[in-house]
Amino acid sequence: AAILLASIGGRLLIGGLSDRFAKKWVMTVSYFLSA
């Protein structure tokens, strides 16, 4: 349940951040969180 809800939040937040910042930096932060 926590993964499902956080996944929805991740999609929304990363989508918004990708519009404002360089995608390579957003992707780097995303993969760092995954690691």
PDB file of all heavy atoms in Angstrom:
ATOM      1  N   ALA A   1       0.832  -1.211   0.000  1.00  0.00           N
ATOM      2  CA  ALA A   1       0.000   0.000   0.000  1.00  0.00           C
ATOM      3  C   ALA A   1       0.864   1.257   0.000  1.00  0.00           C
ATOM      4  O   ALA A   1       0.598   2.210  -0.746  1.00  0.00           O
ATOM      5  CB  ALA A   1      -0.940  -0.008   1.210  1.00  0.00           C
ATOM      6  N   ALA A   2       1.927   1.257   0.806  1.00  0.00           N
ATOM      7  CA  ALA A   2       2.813   2.420   0.856  1.00  0.00           C
ATOM      8  C   ALA A   2       3.534   2.623  -0.472  1.00  0.00           C
ATOM      9  O   ALA A   2       3.687   3.753  -0.944  1.00  0.00           O
ATOM     10  CB  ALA A   2       3.824   2.258   1.995  1.00  0.00           C
ATOM     11  N   ILE A   3       3.968   1.530  -1.106  1.00  0.00           N
ATOM     12  CA  ILE A   3       4.644   1.632  -2.404  1.00  0.00           C
ATOM     13  C   ILE A   3       3.689   2.183  -3.455  1.00  0.00           C
ATOM     14  O   ILE A   3       4.069   3.043  -4.263  1.00  0.00           O
ATOM     15  CB  ILE A   3       5.217   0.260  -2.821  1.00  0.00           C
ATOM     16  CG1 ILE A   3       6.434  -0.072  -1.953  1.00  0.00           C
ATOM     17  CG2 ILE A   3       5.598   0.244  -4.304  1.00  0.00           C
ATOM     18  CD1 ILE A   3       6.934  -1.495  -2.102  1.00  0.00           C
ATOM     19  N   LEU A   4       2.454   1.730  -3.449  1.00  0.00           N
ATOM     20  CA  LEU A   4       1.460   2.210  -4.417  1.00  0.00           C
ATOM     21  C   LEU A   4       1.232   3.711  -4.273  1.00  0.00           C
ATOM     22  O   LEU A   4       1.295   4.460  -5.258  1.00  0.00           O
ATOM     23  CB  LEU A   4       0.144   1.461  -4.242  1.00  0.00           C
ATOM     24  CG  LEU A   4      -1.028   1.970  -5.077  1.00  0.00           C
ATOM     25  CD1 LEU A   4      -0.787   1.704  -6.558  1.00  0.00           C
ATOM     26  CD2 LEU A   4      -2.320   1.352  -4.615  1.00  0.00           C
ATOM     27  N   LEU A   5       1.000   4.164  -3.057  1.00  0.00           N
ATOM     28  CA  LEU A   5       0.730   5.587  -2.842  1.00  0.00           C
ATOM     29  C   LEU A   5       1.957   6.455  -3.136  1.00  0.00           C
ATOM     30  O   LEU A   5       1.849   7.507  -3.771  1.00  0.00           O
ATOM     31  CB  LEU A   5       0.249   5.817  -1.409  1.00  0.00           C
ATOM     32  CG  LEU A   5      -1.121   5.207  -1.088  1.00  0.00           C
ATOM     33  CD1 LEU A   5      -1.429   5.347   0.392  1.00  0.00           C
ATOM     34  CD2 LEU A   5      -2.207   5.822  -1.940  1.00  0.00           C
ATOM     35  N   ALA A   6       3.126   5.984  -2.709  1.00  0.00           N
ATOM     36  CA  ALA A   6       4.348   6.752  -2.967  1.00  0.00           C
ATOM     37  C   ALA A   6       4.677   6.763  -4.457  1.00  0.00           C
ATOM     38  O   ALA A   6       5.201   7.753  -4.970  1.00  0.00           O
ATOM     39  CB  ALA A   6       5.506   6.168  -2.176  1.00  0.00           C
ATOM     40  N   SER A   7       4.342   5.702  -5.171  1.00  0.00           N
ATOM     41  CA  SER A   7       4.583   5.643  -6.612  1.00  0.00           C
ATOM     42  C   SER A   7       3.755   6.691  -7.352  1.00  0.00           C
ATOM     43  O   SER A   7       4.259   7.360  -8.260  1.00  0.00           O
ATOM     44  CB  SER A   7       4.246   4.244  -7.133  1.00  0.00           C
ATOM     45  OG  SER A   7       4.377   4.182  -8.522  1.00  0.00           O
ATOM     46  N   ILE A   8       2.524   6.850  -6.943  1.00  0.00           N
ATOM     47  CA  ILE A   8       1.676   7.884  -7.545  1.00  0.00           C
ATOM     48  C   ILE A   8       2.265   9.269  -7.268  1.00  0.00           C
ATOM     49  O   ILE A   8       2.373  10.104  -8.164  1.00  0.00           O
ATOM     50  CB  ILE A   8       0.228   7.768  -7.020  1.00  0.00           C
ATOM     51  CG1 ILE A   8      -0.405   6.465  -7.512  1.00  0.00           C
ATOM     52  CG2 ILE A   8      -0.603   8.969  -7.460  1.00  0.00           C
ATOM     53  CD1 ILE A   8      -1.694   6.102  -6.818  1.00  0.00           C
ATOM     54  N   GLY A   9       2.668   9.490  -6.034  1.00  0.00           N
ATOM     55  CA  GLY A   9       3.299  10.757  -5.685  1.00  0.00           C
ATOM     56  C   GLY A   9       4.594  10.983  -6.451  1.00  0.00           C
ATOM     57  O   GLY A   9       4.885  12.091  -6.891  1.00  0.00           O
ATOM     58  N   GLY A  10       5.385   9.925  -6.639  1.00  0.00           N
ATOM     59  CA  GLY A  10       6.632  10.030  -7.388  1.00  0.00           C
ATOM     60  C   GLY A  10       6.401  10.420  -8.832  1.00  0.00           C
ATOM     61  O   GLY A  10       7.117  11.254  -9.388  1.00  0.00           O
ATOM     62  N   ARG A  11       5.387   9.839  -9.434  1.00  0.00           N
ATOM     63  CA  ARG A  11       5.078  10.185 -10.828  1.00  0.00           C
ATOM     64  C   ARG A  11       4.677  11.644 -10.959  1.00  0.00           C
ATOM     65  O   ARG A  11       5.123  12.354 -11.865  1.00  0.00           O
ATOM     66  CB  ARG A  11       3.964   9.296 -11.356  1.00  0.00           C
ATOM     67  CG  ARG A  11       4.391   7.881 -11.542  1.00  0.00           C
ATOM     68  CD  ARG A  11       3.230   6.990 -11.899  1.00  0.00           C
ATOM     69  NE  ARG A  11       3.622   5.611 -11.697  1.00  0.00           N
ATOM     70  CZ  ARG A  11       3.259   4.622 -12.473  1.00  0.00           C
ATOM     71  NH1 ARG A  11       2.490   4.856 -13.501  1.00  0.00           N
ATOM     72  NH2 ARG A  11       3.653   3.405 -12.231  1.00  0.00           N
ATOM     73  N   LEU A  12       3.828  12.094 -10.061  1.00  0.00           N
ATOM     74  CA  LEU A  12       3.365  13.477 -10.134  1.00  0.00           C
ATOM     75  C   LEU A  12       4.497  14.471  -9.858  1.00  0.00           C
ATOM     76  O   LEU A  12       4.670  15.448 -10.595  1.00  0.00           O
ATOM     77  CB  LEU A  12       2.218  13.697  -9.138  1.00  0.00           C
ATOM     78  CG  LEU A  12       0.925  12.940  -9.436  1.00  0.00           C
ATOM     79  CD1 LEU A  12      -0.057  13.092  -8.281  1.00  0.00           C
ATOM     80  CD2 LEU A  12       0.314  13.405 -10.743  1.00  0.00           C
ATOM     81  N   LEU A  13       5.266  14.214  -8.807  1.00  0.00           N
ATOM     82  CA  LEU A  13       6.336  15.143  -8.457  1.00  0.00           C
ATOM     83  C   LEU A  13       7.447  15.160  -9.504  1.00  0.00           C
ATOM     84  O   LEU A  13       7.906  16.226  -9.915  1.00  0.00           O
ATOM     85  CB  LEU A  13       6.917  14.793  -7.085  1.00  0.00           C
ATOM     86  CG  LEU A  13       7.963  15.768  -6.562  1.00  0.00           C
ATOM     87  CD1 LEU A  13       7.353  17.159  -6.347  1.00  0.00           C
ATOM     88  CD2 LEU A  13       8.555  15.252  -5.267  1.00  0.00           C
ATOM     89  N   ILE A  14       7.841  14.000  -9.980  1.00  0.00           N
ATOM     90  CA  ILE A  14       8.907  13.937 -10.984  1.00  0.00           C
ATOM     91  C   ILE A  14       8.439  14.549 -12.300  1.00  0.00           C
ATOM     92  O   ILE A  14       9.214  15.218 -12.995  1.00  0.00           O
ATOM     93  CB  ILE A  14       9.395  12.489 -11.180  1.00  0.00           C
ATOM     94  CG1 ILE A  14      10.157  12.018  -9.946  1.00  0.00           C
ATOM     95  CG2 ILE A  14      10.237  12.341 -12.427  1.00  0.00           C
ATOM     96  CD1 ILE A  14      11.395  12.822  -9.609  1.00  0.00           C
ATOM     97  N   GLY A  15       7.188  14.355 -12.651  1.00  0.00           N
ATOM     98  CA  GLY A  15       6.653  15.005 -13.849  1.00  0.00           C
ATOM     99  C   GLY A  15       6.743  16.518 -13.740  1.00  0.00           C
ATOM    100  O   GLY A  15       7.154  17.207 -14.678  1.00  0.00           O
ATOM    101  N   GLY A  16       6.390  17.058 -12.586  1.00  0.00           N
ATOM    102  CA  GLY A  16       6.480  18.501 -12.375  1.00  0.00           C
ATOM    103  C   GLY A  16       7.912  19.002 -12.334  1.00  0.00           C
ATOM    104  O   GLY A  16       8.239  20.037 -12.910  1.00  0.00           O
ATOM    105  N   LEU A  17       8.793  18.237 -11.668  1.00  0.00           N
ATOM    106  CA  LEU A  17      10.200  18.640 -11.604  1.00  0.00           C
ATOM    107  C   LEU A  17      10.871  18.566 -12.977  1.00  0.00           C
ATOM    108  O   LEU A  17      11.749  19.372 -13.279  1.00  0.00           O
ATOM    109  CB  LEU A  17      10.960  17.767 -10.605  1.00  0.00           C
ATOM    110  CG  LEU A  17      10.612  17.967  -9.130  1.00  0.00           C
ATOM    111  CD1 LEU A  17      11.341  16.948  -8.261  1.00  0.00           C
ATOM    112  CD2 LEU A  17      10.920  19.383  -8.685  1.00  0.00           C
ATOM    113  N   SER A  18      10.456  17.616 -13.801  1.00  0.00           N
ATOM    114  CA  SER A  18      11.031  17.484 -15.150  1.00  0.00           C
ATOM    115  C   SER A  18      10.673  18.674 -16.023  1.00  0.00           C
ATOM    116  O   SER A  18      11.401  18.987 -16.965  1.00  0.00           O
ATOM    117  CB  SER A  18      10.550  16.195 -15.811  1.00  0.00           C
ATOM    118  OG  SER A  18      11.055  15.080 -15.132  1.00  0.00           O
ATOM    119  N   ASP A  19       9.553  19.316 -15.734  1.00  0.00           N
ATOM    120  CA  ASP A  19       9.182  20.517 -16.489  1.00  0.00           C
ATOM    121  C   ASP A  19      10.025  21.727 -16.067  1.00  0.00           C
ATOM    122  O   ASP A  19      10.207  22.651 -16.857  1.00  0.00           O
ATOM    123  CB  ASP A  19       7.699  20.849 -16.278  1.00  0.00           C
ATOM    124  CG  ASP A  19       6.787  19.845 -16.957  1.00  0.00           C
ATOM    125  OD1 ASP A  19       7.255  19.161 -17.887  1.00  0.00           O
ATOM    126  OD2 ASP A  19       5.606  19.762 -16.557  1.00  0.00           O
ATOM    127  N   ARG A  20      10.518  21.719 -14.835  1.00  0.00           N
ATOM    128  CA  ARG A  20      11.234  22.887 -14.309  1.00  0.00           C
ATOM    129  C   ARG A  20      12.755  22.765 -14.376  1.00  0.00           C
ATOM    130  O   ARG A  20      13.449  23.766 -14.446  1.00  0.00           O
ATOM    131  CB  ARG A  20      10.816  23.116 -12.858  1.00  0.00           C
ATOM    132  CG  ARG A  20       9.387  23.583 -12.732  1.00  0.00           C
ATOM    133  CD  ARG A  20       9.032  23.822 -11.273  1.00  0.00           C
ATOM    134  NE  ARG A  20       7.650  24.220 -11.141  1.00  0.00           N
ATOM    135  CZ  ARG A  20       6.629  23.376 -10.999  1.00  0.00           C
ATOM    136  NH1 ARG A  20       6.852  22.077 -10.987  1.00  0.00           N
ATOM    137  NH2 ARG A  20       5.400  23.825 -10.884  1.00  0.00           N
ATOM    138  N   PHE A  21      13.269  21.537 -14.280  1.00  0.00           N
ATOM    139  CA  PHE A  21      14.717  21.324 -14.217  1.00  0.00           C
ATOM    140  C   PHE A  21      15.164  20.409 -15.349  1.00  0.00           C
ATOM    141  O   PHE A  21      14.341  19.749 -15.987  1.00  0.00           O
ATOM    142  CB  PHE A  21      15.109  20.703 -12.864  1.00  0.00           C
ATOM    143  CG  PHE A  21      14.722  21.536 -11.689  1.00  0.00           C
ATOM    144  CD1 PHE A  21      13.641  21.183 -10.898  1.00  0.00           C
ATOM    145  CD2 PHE A  21      15.428  22.684 -11.369  1.00  0.00           C
ATOM    146  CE1 PHE A  21      13.259  21.945  -9.802  1.00  0.00           C
ATOM    147  CE2 PHE A  21      15.067  23.467 -10.279  1.00  0.00           C
ATOM    148  CZ  PHE A  21      13.982  23.093  -9.495  1.00  0.00           C
ATOM    149  N   ALA A  22      16.471  20.339 -15.559  1.00  0.00           N
ATOM    150  CA  ALA A  22      17.031  19.453 -16.583  1.00  0.00           C
ATOM    151  C   ALA A  22      16.695  18.002 -16.232  1.00  0.00           C
ATOM    152  O   ALA A  22      16.855  17.574 -15.083  1.00  0.00           O
ATOM    153  CB  ALA A  22      18.536  19.635 -16.677  1.00  0.00           C
ATOM    154  N   LYS A  23      16.238  17.264 -17.225  1.00  0.00           N
ATOM    155  CA  LYS A  23      15.814  15.886 -16.988  1.00  0.00           C
ATOM    156  C   LYS A  23      16.952  15.007 -16.498  1.00  0.00           C
ATOM    157  O   LYS A  23      16.733  14.080 -15.728  1.00  0.00           O
ATOM    158  CB  LYS A  23      15.177  15.309 -18.244  1.00  0.00           C
ATOM    159  CG  LYS A  23      13.809  15.889 -18.517  1.00  0.00           C
ATOM    160  CD  LYS A  23      13.231  15.314 -19.796  1.00  0.00           C
ATOM    161  CE  LYS A  23      11.945  15.996 -20.171  1.00  0.00           C
ATOM    162  NZ  LYS A  23      12.047  17.424 -20.432  1.00  0.00           N
ATOM    163  N   LYS A  24      18.187  15.293 -16.920  1.00  0.00           N
ATOM    164  CA  LYS A  24      19.297  14.457 -16.470  1.00  0.00           C
ATOM    165  C   LYS A  24      19.509  14.575 -14.965  1.00  0.00           C
ATOM    166  O   LYS A  24      19.859  13.603 -14.307  1.00  0.00           O
ATOM    167  CB  LYS A  24      20.572  14.759 -17.246  1.00  0.00           C
ATOM    168  CG  LYS A  24      21.201  16.102 -16.949  1.00  0.00           C
ATOM    169  CD  LYS A  24      22.485  16.279 -17.734  1.00  0.00           C
ATOM    170  CE  LYS A  24      23.109  17.610 -17.414  1.00  0.00           C
ATOM    171  NZ  LYS A  24      24.370  17.780 -18.115  1.00  0.00           N
ATOM    172  N   TRP A  25      19.279  15.766 -14.393  1.00  0.00           N
ATOM    173  CA  TRP A  25      19.433  15.922 -12.952  1.00  0.00           C
ATOM    174  C   TRP A  25      18.267  15.298 -12.198  1.00  0.00           C
ATOM    175  O   TRP A  25      18.458  14.701 -11.137  1.00  0.00           O
ATOM    176  CB  TRP A  25      19.603  17.390 -12.589  1.00  0.00           C
ATOM    177  CG  TRP A  25      20.886  17.942 -13.122  1.00  0.00           C
ATOM    178  CD1 TRP A  25      21.035  18.876 -14.102  1.00  0.00           C
ATOM    179  CD2 TRP A  25      22.198  17.547 -12.746  1.00  0.00           C
ATOM    180  NE1 TRP A  25      22.364  19.104 -14.354  1.00  0.00           N
ATOM    181  CE2 TRP A  25      23.105  18.295 -13.538  1.00  0.00           C
ATOM    182  CE3 TRP A  25      22.715  16.640 -11.827  1.00  0.00           C
ATOM    183  CZ2 TRP A  25      24.483  18.149 -13.424  1.00  0.00           C
ATOM    184  CZ3 TRP A  25      24.099  16.511 -11.719  1.00  0.00           C
ATOM    185  CH2 TRP A  25      24.957  17.255 -12.513  1.00  0.00           C
ATOM    186  N   VAL A  26      17.089  15.435 -12.739  1.00  0.00           N
ATOM    187  CA  VAL A  26      15.919  14.803 -12.115  1.00  0.00           C
ATOM    188  C   VAL A  26      16.086  13.288 -12.143  1.00  0.00           C
ATOM    189  O   VAL A  26      15.804  12.595 -11.164  1.00  0.00           O
ATOM    190  CB  VAL A  26      14.617  15.248 -12.833  1.00  0.00           C
ATOM    191  CG1 VAL A  26      13.416  14.514 -12.282  1.00  0.00           C
ATOM    192  CG2 VAL A  26      14.426  16.750 -12.702  1.00  0.00           C
ATOM    193  N   MET A  27      16.583  12.761 -13.264  1.00  0.00           N
ATOM    194  CA  MET A  27      16.805  11.324 -13.390  1.00  0.00           C
ATOM    195  C   MET A  27      17.904  10.858 -12.428  1.00  0.00           C
ATOM    196  O   MET A  27      17.773   9.800 -11.800  1.00  0.00           O
ATOM    197  CB  MET A  27      17.193  10.976 -14.826  1.00  0.00           C
ATOM    198  CG  MET A  27      17.354   9.500 -15.066  1.00  0.00           C
ATOM    199  SD  MET A  27      17.753   9.142 -16.778  1.00  0.00           S
ATOM    200  CE  MET A  27      16.128   9.206 -17.486  1.00  0.00           C
ATOM    201  N   THR A  28      18.947  11.637 -12.268  1.00  0.00           N
ATOM    202  CA  THR A  28      20.023  11.278 -11.349  1.00  0.00           C
ATOM    203  C   THR A  28      19.511  11.180  -9.918  1.00  0.00           C
ATOM    204  O   THR A  28      19.815  10.216  -9.207  1.00  0.00           O
ATOM    205  CB  THR A  28      21.166  12.318 -11.436  1.00  0.00           C
ATOM    206  OG1 THR A  28      21.646  12.356 -12.779  1.00  0.00           O
ATOM    207  CG2 THR A  28      22.291  11.990 -10.487  1.00  0.00           C
ATOM    208  N   VAL A  29      18.730  12.147  -9.505  1.00  0.00           N
ATOM    209  CA  VAL A  29      18.154  12.116  -8.152  1.00  0.00           C
ATOM    210  C   VAL A  29      17.223  10.922  -7.995  1.00  0.00           C
ATOM    211  O   VAL A  29      17.252  10.220  -6.976  1.00  0.00           O
ATOM    212  CB  VAL A  29      17.418  13.439  -7.843  1.00  0.00           C
ATOM    213  CG1 VAL A  29      16.605  13.343  -6.572  1.00  0.00           C
ATOM    214  CG2 VAL A  29      18.409  14.578  -7.765  1.00  0.00           C
ATOM    215  N   SER A  30      16.427  10.658  -9.004  1.00  0.00           N
ATOM    216  CA  SER A  30      15.498   9.534  -8.967  1.00  0.00           C
ATOM    217  C   SER A  30      16.239   8.210  -8.816  1.00  0.00           C
ATOM    218  O   SER A  30      15.861   7.355  -8.006  1.00  0.00           O
ATOM    219  CB  SER A  30      14.657   9.544 -10.242  1.00  0.00           C
ATOM    220  OG  SER A  30      14.160   8.288 -10.539  1.00  0.00           O
ATOM    221  N   TYR A  31      17.300   8.006  -9.587  1.00  0.00           N
ATOM    222  CA  TYR A  31      18.052   6.754  -9.508  1.00  0.00           C
ATOM    223  C   TYR A  31      18.846   6.659  -8.211  1.00  0.00           C
ATOM    224  O   TYR A  31      19.056   5.565  -7.682  1.00  0.00           O
ATOM    225  CB  TYR A  31      18.944   6.578 -10.728  1.00  0.00           C
ATOM    226  CG  TYR A  31      18.145   6.276 -11.979  1.00  0.00           C
ATOM    227  CD1 TYR A  31      18.578   6.691 -13.216  1.00  0.00           C
ATOM    228  CD2 TYR A  31      16.942   5.584 -11.915  1.00  0.00           C
ATOM    229  CE1 TYR A  31      17.843   6.421 -14.364  1.00  0.00           C
ATOM    230  CE2 TYR A  31      16.200   5.314 -13.050  1.00  0.00           C
ATOM    231  CZ  TYR A  31      16.657   5.729 -14.262  1.00  0.00           C
ATOM    232  OH  TYR A  31      15.927   5.457 -15.384  1.00  0.00           O
ATOM    233  N   PHE A  32      19.294   7.790  -7.679  1.00  0.00           N
ATOM    234  CA  PHE A  32      19.955   7.779  -6.386  1.00  0.00           C
ATOM    235  C   PHE A  32      18.979   7.321  -5.306  1.00  0.00           C
ATOM    236  O   PHE A  32      19.331   6.501  -4.447  1.00  0.00           O
ATOM    237  CB  PHE A  32      20.512   9.164  -6.053  1.00  0.00           C
ATOM    238  CG  PHE A  32      21.131   9.246  -4.699  1.00  0.00           C
ATOM    239  CD1 PHE A  32      22.370   8.673  -4.454  1.00  0.00           C
ATOM    240  CD2 PHE A  32      20.470   9.885  -3.660  1.00  0.00           C
ATOM    241  CE1 PHE A  32      22.947   8.731  -3.186  1.00  0.00           C
ATOM    242  CE2 PHE A  32      21.037   9.945  -2.398  1.00  0.00           C
ATOM    243  CZ  PHE A  32      22.277   9.373  -2.167  1.00  0.00           C
ATOM    244  N   LEU A  33      17.759   7.825  -5.336  1.00  0.00           N
ATOM    245  CA  LEU A  33      16.744   7.378  -4.371  1.00  0.00           C
ATOM    246  C   LEU A  33      16.490   5.880  -4.499  1.00  0.00           C
ATOM    247  O   LEU A  33      16.329   5.182  -3.499  1.00  0.00           O
ATOM    248  CB  LEU A  33      15.435   8.137  -4.578  1.00  0.00           C
ATOM    249  CG  LEU A  33      15.370   9.537  -4.011  1.00  0.00           C
ATOM    250  CD1 LEU A  33      14.062  10.212  -4.423  1.00  0.00           C
ATOM    251  CD2 LEU A  33      15.504   9.514  -2.504  1.00  0.00           C
ATOM    252  N   SER A  34      16.446   5.406  -5.723  1.00  0.00           N
ATOM    253  CA  SER A  34      16.243   3.980  -5.942  1.00  0.00           C
ATOM    254  C   SER A  34      17.395   3.167  -5.354  1.00  0.00           C
ATOM    255  O   SER A  34      17.187   2.118  -4.740  1.00  0.00           O
ATOM    256  CB  SER A  34      16.102   3.711  -7.440  1.00  0.00           C
ATOM    257  OG  SER A  34      15.831   2.374  -7.685  1.00  0.00           O
ATOM    258  N   ALA A  35      18.617   3.651  -5.534  1.00  0.00           N
ATOM    259  CA  ALA A  35      19.795   2.927  -5.033  1.00  0.00           C
ATOM    260  C   ALA A  35      19.851   2.896  -3.512  1.00  0.00           C
ATOM    261  O   ALA A  35      20.264   1.883  -2.933  1.00  0.00           O
ATOM    262  CB  ALA A  35      21.061   3.544  -5.597  1.00  0.00           C
TER     263      ALA A  35
END
